[in-house]
PDB file of N, CA and C in Angstrom:
ATOM      1  N   MET A   1      16.423  88.689  60.287  1.00  0.00           N
ATOM      2  CA  MET A   1      15.456  89.771  60.872  1.00  0.00           C
ATOM      3  C   MET A   1      14.995  89.659  61.773  1.00  0.00           C
ATOM      4  N   VAL A   2      14.174  90.564  62.715  1.00  0.00           N
ATOM      5  CA  VAL A   2      13.411  90.591  63.915  1.00  0.00           C
ATOM      6  C   VAL A   2      11.843  90.074  63.521  1.00  0.00           C
ATOM      7  N   ARG A   3      11.274  89.150  63.921  1.00  0.00           N
ATOM      8  CA  ARG A   3       9.942  89.008  63.612  1.00  0.00           C
ATOM      9  C   ARG A   3       8.921  89.599  64.862  1.00  0.00           C
ATOM     10  N   ILE A   4       8.208  90.198  64.648  1.00  0.00           N
ATOM     11  CA  ILE A   4       7.074  90.595  65.895  1.00  0.00           C
ATOM     12  C   ILE A   4       5.613  90.431  65.152  1.00  0.00           C
ATOM     13  N   LEU A   5       5.247  90.089  66.142  1.00  0.00           N
ATOM     14  CA  LEU A   5       3.709  89.292  65.839  1.00  0.00           C
ATOM     15  C   LEU A   5       3.022  90.759  67.188  1.00  0.00           C
ATOM     16  N   LEU A   6       2.194  91.396  65.941  1.00  0.00           N
ATOM     17  CA  LEU A   6       1.349  92.441  66.600  1.00  0.00           C
ATOM     18  C   LEU A   6      -0.170  91.729  67.212  1.00  0.00           C
ATOM     19  N   VAL A   7      -0.317  91.923  68.115  1.00  0.00           N
ATOM     20  CA  VAL A   7      -1.466  91.280  68.370  1.00  0.00           C
ATOM     21  C   VAL A   7      -2.515  92.733  68.467  1.00  0.00           C
ATOM     22  N   GLU A   8      -3.393  92.964  67.640  1.00  0.00           N
ATOM     23  CA  GLU A   8      -4.214  94.503  68.117  1.00  0.00           C
ATOM     24  C   GLU A   8      -5.612  94.281  66.616  1.00  0.00           C
ATOM     25  N   ASP A   9      -6.491  94.406  67.716  1.00  0.00           N
ATOM     26  CA  ASP A   9      -7.840  94.384  66.847  1.00  0.00           C
ATOM     27  C   ASP A   9      -8.496  95.565  66.206  1.00  0.00           C
ATOM     28  N   ASN A  10      -7.885  96.900  66.774  1.00  0.00           N
ATOM     29  CA  ASN A  10      -8.178  97.924  65.710  1.00  0.00           C
ATOM     30  C   ASN A  10      -7.288  98.168  64.218  1.00  0.00           C
ATOM     31  N   GLU A  11      -8.122  98.260  63.622  1.00  0.00           N
ATOM     32  CA  GLU A  11      -7.241  98.411  62.207  1.00  0.00           C
ATOM     33  C   GLU A  11      -6.588  99.257  62.281  1.00  0.00           C
ATOM     34  N   MET A  12      -7.068 100.503  62.650  1.00  0.00           N
ATOM     35  CA  MET A  12      -5.833 101.866  62.178  1.00  0.00           C
ATOM     36  C   MET A  12      -4.548 101.724  63.131  1.00  0.00           C
ATOM     37  N   ASN A  13      -4.893 101.276  64.313  1.00  0.00           N
ATOM     38  CA  ASN A  13      -3.627 101.143  65.417  1.00  0.00           C
ATOM     39  C   ASN A  13      -2.909 100.307  64.871  1.00  0.00           C
ATOM     40  N   ARG A  14      -3.407  99.107  64.229  1.00  0.00           N
ATOM     41  CA  ARG A  14      -2.517  97.897  63.572  1.00  0.00           C
ATOM     42  C   ARG A  14      -1.787  98.526  62.773  1.00  0.00           C
ATOM     43  N   ASP A  15      -2.313  98.833  61.380  1.00  0.00           N
ATOM     44  CA  ASP A  15      -1.713  99.411  60.380  1.00  0.00           C
ATOM     45  C   ASP A  15      -0.737 100.324  60.271  1.00  0.00           C
ATOM     46  N   MET A  16      -0.843 101.595  61.034  1.00  0.00           N
ATOM     47  CA  MET A  16      -0.212 102.416  61.655  1.00  0.00           C
ATOM     48  C   MET A  16       1.351 101.331  62.155  1.00  0.00           C
ATOM     49  N   LEU A  17       0.832 101.278  63.003  1.00  0.00           N
ATOM     50  CA  LEU A  17       1.915 100.853  64.030  1.00  0.00           C
ATOM     51  C   LEU A  17       2.569  99.509  62.758  1.00  0.00           C
ATOM     52  N   SER A  18       2.334  98.429  62.149  1.00  0.00           N
ATOM     53  CA  SER A  18       3.154  97.828  61.330  1.00  0.00           C
ATOM     54  C   SER A  18       3.938  98.579  60.542  1.00  0.00           C
ATOM     55  N   ARG A  19       2.840  99.616  59.741  1.00  0.00           N
ATOM     56  CA  ARG A  19       3.813 100.025  58.958  1.00  0.00           C
ATOM     57  C   ARG A  19       5.210 100.714  59.152  1.00  0.00           C
ATOM     58  N   ARG A  20       5.261 101.089  60.285  1.00  0.00           N
ATOM     59  CA  ARG A  20       6.123 101.930  61.302  1.00  0.00           C
ATOM     60  C   ARG A  20       7.150 100.840  61.599  1.00  0.00           C
ATOM     61  N   LEU A  21       6.811  99.676  62.133  1.00  0.00           N
ATOM     62  CA  LEU A  21       8.209  98.678  62.493  1.00  0.00           C
ATOM     63  C   LEU A  21       8.542  98.245  61.173  1.00  0.00           C
ATOM     64  N   GLU A  22       7.943  98.030  59.971  1.00  0.00           N
ATOM     65  CA  GLU A  22       8.537  97.662  58.763  1.00  0.00           C
ATOM     66  C   GLU A  22       9.325  98.131  58.156  1.00  0.00           C
ATOM     67  N   ARG A  23       8.938  99.678  58.143  1.00  0.00           N
ATOM     68  CA  ARG A  23      10.034 100.474  57.546  1.00  0.00           C
ATOM     69  C   ARG A  23      11.516 100.380  58.675  1.00  0.00           C
ATOM     70  N   ARG A  24      11.478 100.026  59.532  1.00  0.00           N
ATOM     71  CA  ARG A  24      12.361 100.372  60.273  1.00  0.00           C
ATOM     72  C   ARG A  24      13.171  98.609  60.561  1.00  0.00           C
ATOM     73  N   GLY A  25      13.103  98.018  59.546  1.00  0.00           N
ATOM     74  CA  GLY A  25      13.295  96.750  59.149  1.00  0.00           C
ATOM     75  C   GLY A  25      12.994  95.119  59.692  1.00  0.00           C
ATOM     76  N   TYR A  26      11.769  95.919  60.750  1.00  0.00           N
ATOM     77  CA  TYR A  26      10.997  94.621  61.545  1.00  0.00           C
ATOM     78  C   TYR A  26      10.051  93.671  60.183  1.00  0.00           C
ATOM     79  N   GLU A  27      10.113  92.575  60.434  1.00  0.00           N
ATOM     80  CA  GLU A  27       9.142  91.554  60.054  1.00  0.00           C
ATOM     81  C   GLU A  27       7.757  91.352  60.816  1.00  0.00           C
ATOM     82  N   VAL A  28       6.833  91.906  60.458  1.00  0.00           N
ATOM     83  CA  VAL A  28       5.353  92.026  61.332  1.00  0.00           C
ATOM     84  C   VAL A  28       4.580  91.103  61.307  1.00  0.00           C
ATOM     85  N   VAL A  29       4.442  90.164  61.860  1.00  0.00           N
ATOM     86  CA  VAL A  29       3.305  89.099  61.705  1.00  0.00           C
ATOM     87  C   VAL A  29       1.460  89.674  62.334  1.00  0.00           C
ATOM     88  N   ILE A  30       0.783  89.660  61.894  1.00  0.00           N
ATOM     89  CA  ILE A  30      -0.658  90.181  62.499  1.00  0.00           C
ATOM     90  C   ILE A  30      -1.809  89.130  63.201  1.00  0.00           C
ATOM     91  N   ALA A  31      -1.885  89.148  64.595  1.00  0.00           N
ATOM     92  CA  ALA A  31      -3.315  88.968  64.880  1.00  0.00           C
ATOM     93  C   ALA A  31      -4.454  89.653  65.466  1.00  0.00           C
ATOM     94  N   VAL A  32      -5.838  89.401  64.840  1.00  0.00           N
ATOM     95  CA  VAL A  32      -6.815  90.214  65.114  1.00  0.00           C
ATOM     96  C   VAL A  32      -7.179  90.369  66.430  1.00  0.00           C
ATOM     97  N   ASP A  33      -7.280  89.270  67.529  1.00  0.00           N
ATOM     98  CA  ASP A  33      -7.576  88.769  68.471  1.00  0.00           C
ATOM     99  C   ASP A  33      -7.429  88.106  69.706  1.00  0.00           C
ATOM    100  N   GLY A  34      -7.308  87.788  70.775  1.00  0.00           N
ATOM    101  CA  GLY A  34      -6.761  87.542  71.487  1.00  0.00           C
ATOM    102  C   GLY A  34      -6.109  85.547  71.036  1.00  0.00           C
ATOM    103  N   LYS A  35      -7.433  84.859  71.104  1.00  0.00           N
ATOM    104  CA  LYS A  35      -7.060  83.785  71.081  1.00  0.00           C
ATOM    105  C   LYS A  35      -6.109  83.524  69.498  1.00  0.00           C
ATOM    106  N   ALA A  36      -6.145  84.118  68.648  1.00  0.00           N
ATOM    107  CA  ALA A  36      -5.693  83.644  67.235  1.00  0.00           C
ATOM    108  C   ALA A  36      -4.131  84.642  67.572  1.00  0.00           C
ATOM    109  N   GLY A  37      -3.852  85.434  68.440  1.00  0.00           N
ATOM    110  CA  GLY A  37      -2.314  85.764  68.808  1.00  0.00           C
ATOM    111  C   GLY A  37      -1.830  84.858  69.676  1.00  0.00           C
ATOM    112  N   VAL A  38      -2.537  84.049  70.878  1.00  0.00           N
ATOM    113  CA  VAL A  38      -1.803  82.829  71.187  1.00  0.00           C
ATOM    114  C   VAL A  38      -1.865  81.674  69.929  1.00  0.00           C
ATOM    115  N   GLU A  39      -2.695  81.224  69.383  1.00  0.00           N
ATOM    116  CA  GLU A  39      -2.308  80.437  67.777  1.00  0.00           C
ATOM    117  C   GLU A  39      -1.184  80.519  67.524  1.00  0.00           C
ATOM    118  N   ALA A  40      -0.909  82.189  67.185  1.00  0.00           N
ATOM    119  CA  ALA A  40       0.029  82.578  66.466  1.00  0.00           C
ATOM    120  C   ALA A  40       1.828  82.651  66.728  1.00  0.00           C
ATOM    121  N   ALA A  41       1.856  83.012  68.749  1.00  0.00           N
ATOM    122  CA  ALA A  41       2.735  82.663  69.282  1.00  0.00           C
ATOM    123  C   ALA A  41       3.334  81.486  69.100  1.00  0.00           C
ATOM    124  N   THR A  42       2.645  80.319  68.600  1.00  0.00           N
ATOM    125  CA  THR A  42       3.350  79.045  68.565  1.00  0.00           C
ATOM    126  C   THR A  42       3.156  78.322  67.338  1.00  0.00           C
ATOM    127  N   SER A  43       2.305  79.037  66.538  1.00  0.00           N
ATOM    128  CA  SER A  43       2.866  78.910  64.751  1.00  0.00           C
ATOM    129  C   SER A  43       3.816  79.591  64.005  1.00  0.00           C
ATOM    130  N   VAL A  44       4.069  81.103  64.396  1.00  0.00           N
ATOM    131  CA  VAL A  44       4.904  81.987  63.541  1.00  0.00           C
ATOM    132  C   VAL A  44       6.392  81.978  64.495  1.00  0.00           C
ATOM    133  N   ASP A  45       6.221  81.675  65.369  1.00  0.00           N
ATOM    134  CA  ASP A  45       8.119  81.827  65.993  1.00  0.00           C
ATOM    135  C   ASP A  45       8.310  83.093  65.921  1.00  0.00           C
ATOM    136  N   PRO A  46       7.895  83.849  66.634  1.00  0.00           N
ATOM    137  CA  PRO A  46       7.883  85.497  66.786  1.00  0.00           C
ATOM    138  C   PRO A  46       9.030  85.724  68.053  1.00  0.00           C
ATOM    139  N   ASP A  47       9.980  86.852  67.507  1.00  0.00           N
ATOM    140  CA  ASP A  47      11.044  87.236  69.029  1.00  0.00           C
ATOM    141  C   ASP A  47      10.620  87.923  69.870  1.00  0.00           C
ATOM    142  N   LEU A  48       9.299  88.310  69.621  1.00  0.00           N
ATOM    143  CA  LEU A  48       8.615  89.122  70.336  1.00  0.00           C
ATOM    144  C   LEU A  48       6.944  89.293  70.089  1.00  0.00           C
ATOM    145  N   VAL A  49       6.441  89.519  71.002  1.00  0.00           N
ATOM    146  CA  VAL A  49       5.150  90.042  70.977  1.00  0.00           C
ATOM    147  C   VAL A  49       4.736  91.300  71.272  1.00  0.00           C
ATOM    148  N   LEU A  50       4.267  92.030  70.678  1.00  0.00           N
ATOM    149  CA  LEU A  50       3.433  93.691  71.301  1.00  0.00           C
ATOM    150  C   LEU A  50       1.946  93.318  71.213  1.00  0.00           C
ATOM    151  N   MET A  51       1.380  93.336  72.454  1.00  0.00           N
ATOM    152  CA  MET A  51       0.060  92.416  72.483  1.00  0.00           C
ATOM    153  C   MET A  51      -0.722  93.605  72.991  1.00  0.00           C
ATOM    154  N   ASP A  52      -2.036  94.123  73.023  1.00  0.00           N
ATOM    155  CA  ASP A  52      -3.280  95.105  73.134  1.00  0.00           C
ATOM    156  C   ASP A  52      -3.624  94.396  74.207  1.00  0.00           C
ATOM    157  N   MET A  53      -4.342  94.829  75.206  1.00  0.00           N
ATOM    158  CA  MET A  53      -4.519  94.242  76.240  1.00  0.00           C
ATOM    159  C   MET A  53      -5.912  94.260  76.283  1.00  0.00           C
ATOM    160  N   SER A  54      -6.809  95.110  75.374  1.00  0.00           N
ATOM    161  CA  SER A  54      -8.163  95.184  75.296  1.00  0.00           C
ATOM    162  C   SER A  54      -8.849  94.408  74.083  1.00  0.00           C
ATOM    163  N   LEU A  55      -8.759  93.281  73.567  1.00  0.00           N
ATOM    164  CA  LEU A  55      -8.802  92.224  72.940  1.00  0.00           C
ATOM    165  C   LEU A  55     -10.463  91.886  72.609  1.00  0.00           C
ATOM    166  N   PRO A  56     -11.121  91.219  71.754  1.00  0.00           N
ATOM    167  CA  PRO A  56     -12.076  90.324  71.703  1.00  0.00           C
ATOM    168  C   PRO A  56     -11.385  88.644  71.975  1.00  0.00           C
ATOM    169  N   VAL A  57     -12.386  88.003  71.882  1.00  0.00           N
ATOM    170  CA  VAL A  57     -12.322  86.828  72.147  1.00  0.00           C
ATOM    171  C   VAL A  57     -11.665  85.953  73.268  1.00  0.00           C
ATOM    172  N   ILE A  58     -10.111  86.662  73.553  1.00  0.00           N
ATOM    173  CA  ILE A  58      -9.304  86.411  74.685  1.00  0.00           C
ATOM    174  C   ILE A  58      -8.945  87.786  74.615  1.00  0.00           C
ATOM    175  N   ASP A  59      -9.178  88.333  76.103  1.00  0.00           N
ATOM    176  CA  ASP A  59      -7.885  89.646  76.328  1.00  0.00           C
ATOM    177  C   ASP A  59      -6.377  89.409  76.119  1.00  0.00           C
ATOM    178  N   GLY A  60      -5.906  90.513  76.184  1.00  0.00           N
ATOM    179  CA  GLY A  60      -4.661  90.547  75.995  1.00  0.00           C
ATOM    180  C   GLY A  60      -4.211  89.776  77.517  1.00  0.00           C
ATOM    181  N   TRP A  61      -4.752  90.499  78.512  1.00  0.00           N
ATOM    182  CA  TRP A  61      -4.208  89.590  79.742  1.00  0.00           C
ATOM    183  C   TRP A  61      -4.038  88.155  79.974  1.00  0.00           C
ATOM    184  N   GLU A  62      -5.538  87.558  79.153  1.00  0.00           N
ATOM    185  CA  GLU A  62      -5.399  85.926  79.291  1.00  0.00           C
ATOM    186  C   GLU A  62      -4.474  85.634  78.100  1.00  0.00           C
ATOM    187  N   ALA A  63      -4.607  86.193  77.268  1.00  0.00           N
ATOM    188  CA  ALA A  63      -3.419  85.680  75.910  1.00  0.00           C
ATOM    189  C   ALA A  63      -1.891  85.507  76.577  1.00  0.00           C
ATOM    190  N   THR A  64      -1.914  86.776  76.866  1.00  0.00           N
ATOM    191  CA  THR A  64      -0.535  86.730  77.764  1.00  0.00           C
ATOM    192  C   THR A  64       0.002  85.529  78.693  1.00  0.00           C
ATOM    193  N   ARG A  65      -1.059  84.954  79.890  1.00  0.00           N
ATOM    194  CA  ARG A  65      -0.801  84.454  80.393  1.00  0.00           C
ATOM    195  C   ARG A  65      -0.663  82.618  79.739  1.00  0.00           C
ATOM    196  N   GLN A  66      -1.572  83.040  78.569  1.00  0.00           N
ATOM    197  CA  GLN A  66      -1.277  81.255  78.007  1.00  0.00           C
ATOM    198  C   GLN A  66      -0.232  81.450  77.152  1.00  0.00           C
ATOM    199  N   ILE A  67       0.141  82.302  76.436  1.00  0.00           N
ATOM    200  CA  ILE A  67       1.751  82.282  75.943  1.00  0.00           C
ATOM    201  C   ILE A  67       2.858  81.735  76.621  1.00  0.00           C
ATOM    202  N   LYS A  68       2.906  82.553  78.260  1.00  0.00           N
ATOM    203  CA  LYS A  68       3.385  82.234  79.225  1.00  0.00           C
ATOM    204  C   LYS A  68       3.516  81.164  79.488  1.00  0.00           C
ATOM    205  N   ALA A  69       2.594  80.138  79.956  1.00  0.00           N
ATOM    206  CA  ALA A  69       2.460  79.129  80.397  1.00  0.00           C
ATOM    207  C   ALA A  69       3.013  77.956  79.786  1.00  0.00           C
ATOM    208  N   ASN A  70       2.706  78.176  77.917  1.00  0.00           N
ATOM    209  CA  ASN A  70       3.324  76.899  77.233  1.00  0.00           C
ATOM    210  C   ASN A  70       5.185  77.350  77.128  1.00  0.00           C
ATOM    211  N   PRO A  71       5.257  76.008  77.266  1.00  0.00           N
ATOM    212  CA  PRO A  71       6.827  75.540  77.304  1.00  0.00           C
ATOM    213  C   PRO A  71       7.655  76.287  76.013  1.00  0.00           C
ATOM    214  N   ALA A  72       6.593  76.300  75.120  1.00  0.00           N
ATOM    215  CA  ALA A  72       7.008  76.538  73.528  1.00  0.00           C
ATOM    216  C   ALA A  72       7.342  78.068  73.426  1.00  0.00           C
ATOM    217  N   THR A  73       6.177  78.706  73.941  1.00  0.00           N
ATOM    218  CA  THR A  73       6.537  80.403  73.508  1.00  0.00           C
ATOM    219  C   THR A  73       7.036  80.690  75.446  1.00  0.00           C
ATOM    220  N   SER A  74       7.007  80.439  76.236  1.00  0.00           N
ATOM    221  CA  SER A  74       7.266  81.137  77.247  1.00  0.00           C
ATOM    222  C   SER A  74       8.494  82.279  77.145  1.00  0.00           C
ATOM    223  N   ALA A  75       9.411  82.023  76.572  1.00  0.00           N
ATOM    224  CA  ALA A  75      10.447  82.761  76.302  1.00  0.00           C
ATOM    225  C   ALA A  75      10.297  83.782  76.021  1.00  0.00           C
ATOM    226  N   ILE A  76       9.113  83.721  74.738  1.00  0.00           N
ATOM    227  CA  ILE A  76       8.946  84.869  73.840  1.00  0.00           C
ATOM    228  C   ILE A  76       8.669  85.746  74.693  1.00  0.00           C
ATOM    229  N   PRO A  77       9.371  86.935  74.532  1.00  0.00           N
ATOM    230  CA  PRO A  77       9.374  88.413  75.170  1.00  0.00           C
ATOM    231  C   PRO A  77       7.750  89.024  74.855  1.00  0.00           C
ATOM    232  N   VAL A  78       6.851  89.826  76.114  1.00  0.00           N
ATOM    233  CA  VAL A  78       5.652  90.377  75.497  1.00  0.00           C
ATOM    234  C   VAL A  78       5.942  91.677  75.836  1.00  0.00           C
ATOM    235  N   ILE A  79       5.433  92.705  75.680  1.00  0.00           N
ATOM    236  CA  ILE A  79       5.129  94.023  74.990  1.00  0.00           C
ATOM    237  C   ILE A  79       3.671  94.610  75.560  1.00  0.00           C
ATOM    238  N   ALA A  80       3.179  94.813  76.665  1.00  0.00           N
ATOM    239  CA  ALA A  80       1.875  95.275  76.417  1.00  0.00           C
ATOM    240  C   ALA A  80       1.901  96.456  76.336  1.00  0.00           C
ATOM    241  N   LEU A  81       0.505  96.284  75.125  1.00  0.00           N
ATOM    242  CA  LEU A  81      -0.037  97.583  74.824  1.00  0.00           C
ATOM    243  C   LEU A  81      -1.130  98.278  75.264  1.00  0.00           C
ATOM    244  N   THR A  82      -1.456  99.478  75.838  1.00  0.00           N
ATOM    245  CA  THR A  82      -2.863  99.609  76.417  1.00  0.00           C
ATOM    246  C   THR A  82      -2.852 101.270  76.319  1.00  0.00           C
ATOM    247  N   ALA A  83      -4.353 101.372  76.150  1.00  0.00           N
ATOM    248  CA  ALA A  83      -4.742 102.697  76.846  1.00  0.00           C
ATOM    249  C   ALA A  83      -5.128 102.850  78.188  1.00  0.00           C
ATOM    250  N   HIS A  84      -5.164 101.996  78.936  1.00  0.00           N
ATOM    251  CA  HIS A  84      -5.147 101.853  80.102  1.00  0.00           C
ATOM    252  C   HIS A  84      -3.952 102.452  81.026  1.00  0.00           C
ATOM    253  N   ALA A  85      -3.641 103.685  81.267  1.00  0.00           N
ATOM    254  CA  ALA A  85      -2.764 104.144  81.752  1.00  0.00           C
ATOM    255  C   ALA A  85      -3.121 104.613  83.417  1.00  0.00           C
ATOM    256  N   MET A  86      -3.462 103.541  83.790  1.00  0.00           N
ATOM    257  CA  MET A  86      -4.187 103.920  85.475  1.00  0.00           C
ATOM    258  C   MET A  86      -3.333 103.239  86.436  1.00  0.00           C
ATOM    259  N   ALA A  87      -3.324 103.526  87.556  1.00  0.00           N
ATOM    260  CA  ALA A  87      -2.198 102.831  88.357  1.00  0.00           C
ATOM    261  C   ALA A  87      -2.402 101.835  88.551  1.00  0.00           C
ATOM    262  N   GLY A  88      -1.332 101.080  88.755  1.00  0.00           N
ATOM    263  CA  GLY A  88      -1.560  99.363  89.143  1.00  0.00           C
ATOM    264  C   GLY A  88      -1.277  98.629  88.149  1.00  0.00           C
ATOM    265  N   ASP A  89      -1.724  99.534  86.801  1.00  0.00           N
ATOM    266  CA  ASP A  89      -1.779  98.969  85.307  1.00  0.00           C
ATOM    267  C   ASP A  89      -0.943  98.015  85.125  1.00  0.00           C
ATOM    268  N   ARG A  90       1.050  98.807  84.853  1.00  0.00           N
ATOM    269  CA  ARG A  90       1.934  98.161  84.574  1.00  0.00           C
ATOM    270  C   ARG A  90       2.114  97.334  85.715  1.00  0.00           C
ATOM    271  N   GLU A  91       1.714  97.351  86.959  1.00  0.00           N
ATOM    272  CA  GLU A  91       2.264  95.930  87.765  1.00  0.00           C
ATOM    273  C   GLU A  91       1.133  94.798  86.986  1.00  0.00           C
ATOM    274  N   LYS A  92      -0.119  94.880  86.652  1.00  0.00           N
ATOM    275  CA  LYS A  92      -1.149  94.329  86.258  1.00  0.00           C
ATOM    276  C   LYS A  92      -0.413  93.439  84.704  1.00  0.00           C
ATOM    277  N   ALA A  93       0.301  94.426  84.326  1.00  0.00           N
ATOM    278  CA  ALA A  93       0.838  93.726  83.018  1.00  0.00           C
ATOM    279  C   ALA A  93       1.617  92.872  83.534  1.00  0.00           C
ATOM    280  N   ILE A  94       2.977  93.430  84.186  1.00  0.00           N
ATOM    281  CA  ILE A  94       4.106  92.422  84.628  1.00  0.00           C
ATOM    282  C   ILE A  94       3.303  91.328  85.325  1.00  0.00           C
ATOM    283  N   ASP A  95       2.258  90.928  86.222  1.00  0.00           N
ATOM    284  CA  ASP A  95       2.158  89.878  87.013  1.00  0.00           C
ATOM    285  C   ASP A  95       1.418  88.933  85.657  1.00  0.00           C
ATOM    286  N   ALA A  96       0.479  89.882  84.540  1.00  0.00           N
ATOM    287  CA  ALA A  96       0.125  89.067  83.606  1.00  0.00           C
ATOM    288  C   ALA A  96       0.848  87.940  82.815  1.00  0.00           C
ATOM    289  N   GLY A  97       2.047  88.759  82.901  1.00  0.00           N
ATOM    290  CA  GLY A  97       3.294  87.747  82.416  1.00  0.00           C
ATOM    291  C   GLY A  97       4.173  88.553  81.196  1.00  0.00           C
ATOM    292  N   CYS A  98       3.927  89.671  81.080  1.00  0.00           N
ATOM    293  CA  CYS A  98       4.689  90.925  80.308  1.00  0.00           C
ATOM    294  C   CYS A  98       6.066  90.931  80.543  1.00  0.00           C
ATOM    295  N   ASP A  99       6.859  91.424  79.636  1.00  0.00           N
ATOM    296  CA  ASP A  99       8.200  91.736  80.249  1.00  0.00           C
ATOM    297  C   ASP A  99       7.897  92.977  80.085  1.00  0.00           C
ATOM    298  N   ASP A 100       7.417  93.922  79.244  1.00  0.00           N
ATOM    299  CA  ASP A 100       7.366  95.589  79.733  1.00  0.00           C
ATOM    300  C   ASP A 100       6.155  95.877  79.032  1.00  0.00           C
ATOM    301  N   TYR A 101       5.659  97.119  79.107  1.00  0.00           N
ATOM    302  CA  TYR A 101       4.326  97.742  79.141  1.00  0.00           C
ATOM    303  C   TYR A 101       4.516  99.000  78.401  1.00  0.00           C
ATOM    304  N   ASP A 102       3.902  99.741  77.637  1.00  0.00           N
ATOM    305  CA  ASP A 102       3.889 100.672  76.930  1.00  0.00           C
ATOM    306  C   ASP A 102       2.403 101.475  76.947  1.00  0.00           C
ATOM    307  N   THR A 103       1.776 102.690  76.501  1.00  0.00           N
ATOM    308  CA  THR A 103       0.940 103.204  76.901  1.00  0.00           C
ATOM    309  C   THR A 103       0.352 103.553  75.429  1.00  0.00           C
ATOM    310  N   LYS A 104      -0.683 103.847  74.954  1.00  0.00           N
ATOM    311  CA  LYS A 104      -1.089 104.768  73.618  1.00  0.00           C
ATOM    312  C   LYS A 104      -1.748 105.609  74.082  1.00  0.00           C
ATOM    313  N   PRO A 105      -1.754 106.867  72.955  1.00  0.00           N
ATOM    314  CA  PRO A 105      -0.907 106.631  72.132  1.00  0.00           C
ATOM    315  C   PRO A 105       0.422 106.266  72.274  1.00  0.00           C
ATOM    316  N   ILE A 106       1.071 104.911  71.084  1.00  0.00           N
ATOM    317  CA  ILE A 106       2.650 104.955  71.196  1.00  0.00           C
ATOM    318  C   ILE A 106       3.276 106.151  71.209  1.00  0.00           C
ATOM    319  N   GLU A 107       4.855 106.289  71.814  1.00  0.00           N
ATOM    320  CA  GLU A 107       5.474 106.929  71.589  1.00  0.00           C
ATOM    321  C   GLU A 107       6.569 106.125  70.754  1.00  0.00           C
ATOM    322  N   LEU A 108       6.715 106.162  69.407  1.00  0.00           N
ATOM    323  CA  LEU A 108       7.557 105.032  68.849  1.00  0.00           C
ATOM    324  C   LEU A 108       9.139 104.842  69.160  1.00  0.00           C
ATOM    325  N   ALA A 109       9.712 106.156  69.686  1.00  0.00           N
ATOM    326  CA  ALA A 109      11.215 106.071  69.943  1.00  0.00           C
ATOM    327  C   ALA A 109      11.386 105.172  71.111  1.00  0.00           C
ATOM    328  N   GLY A 110       9.984 105.286  72.292  1.00  0.00           N
ATOM    329  CA  GLY A 110      10.445 104.320  73.504  1.00  0.00           C
ATOM    330  C   GLY A 110      10.281 103.149  73.299  1.00  0.00           C
ATOM    331  N   LEU A 111       9.422 102.663  72.123  1.00  0.00           N
ATOM    332  CA  LEU A 111       9.284 101.467  72.217  1.00  0.00           C
ATOM    333  C   LEU A 111       9.628 100.918  70.902  1.00  0.00           C
ATOM    334  N   LEU A 112      10.489 101.423  70.384  1.00  0.00           N
ATOM    335  CA  LEU A 112      11.716 100.975  70.029  1.00  0.00           C
ATOM    336  C   LEU A 112      12.854 100.504  70.614  1.00  0.00           C
ATOM    337  N   ASP A 113      13.019 101.139  71.602  1.00  0.00           N
ATOM    338  CA  ASP A 113      14.157 100.861  72.215  1.00  0.00           C
ATOM    339  C   ASP A 113      13.734  99.664  73.385  1.00  0.00           C
ATOM    340  N   LYS A 114      12.612  99.613  73.466  1.00  0.00           N
ATOM    341  CA  LYS A 114      12.192  98.561  74.399  1.00  0.00           C
ATOM    342  C   LYS A 114      12.401  97.301  73.492  1.00  0.00           C
ATOM    343  N   ILE A 115      11.979  97.349  72.497  1.00  0.00           N
ATOM    344  CA  ILE A 115      12.264  96.032  71.084  1.00  0.00           C
ATOM    345  C   ILE A 115      13.072  95.814  71.135  1.00  0.00           C
ATOM    346  N   ALA A 116      14.318  96.721  71.031  1.00  0.00           N
ATOM    347  CA  ALA A 116      15.869  96.454  71.037  1.00  0.00           C
ATOM    348  C   ALA A 116      16.497  95.539  71.657  1.00  0.00           C
ATOM    349  N   ARG A 117      15.879  96.312  73.256  1.00  0.00           N
ATOM    350  CA  ARG A 117      16.497  95.611  74.256  1.00  0.00           C
ATOM    351  C   ARG A 117      16.024  94.201  74.874  1.00  0.00           C
ATOM    352  N   LEU A 118      14.758  93.806  74.445  1.00  0.00           N
ATOM    353  CA  LEU A 118      13.947  92.556  74.410  1.00  0.00           C
ATOM    354  C   LEU A 118      14.437  91.457  73.151  1.00  0.00           C
ATOM    355  N   THR A 119      14.874  92.042  72.287  1.00  0.00           N
ATOM    356  CA  THR A 119      15.151  91.326  71.234  1.00  0.00           C
ATOM    357  C   THR A 119      16.505  91.187  71.136  1.00  0.00           C
ATOM    358  N   ALA A 120      17.205  91.594  71.528  1.00  0.00           N
ATOM    359  CA  ALA A 120      18.849  91.574  71.420  1.00  0.00           C
ATOM    360  C   ALA A 120      19.707  90.161  71.959  1.00  0.00           C
ATOM    361  N   LYS A 121      20.523  89.487  71.326  1.00  0.00           N
ATOM    362  CA  LYS A 121      20.662  88.117  71.373  1.00  0.00           C
ATOM    363  C   LYS A 121      22.106  88.260  71.723  1.00  0.00           C
TER     364      LYS A 121
END
């Protein structure tokens, strides 16, 4: 079973997305801020991280940089989830180390395609 680390501080977004992913057979582990996300990336061995970029404690940009800088977690794919749909935000996410990018509100079919592509073994 594919294990997804969902790093999201908004309870409604977290609950909605985790339930939808679990119904499709994914195991979902939750972290509510960037610092907890970085720690969970090491401790729960996820197959993929869904990273909100606007997070408390450490934002998603910095949390992604830390995950990608750690040899133990650098190979874990990270998909940025953000309400920021400004020009250049996709490039900013890729520069921070994200493997892909999706905007909120989440269009589930597209996100599921990205998850499947990045977790294919």
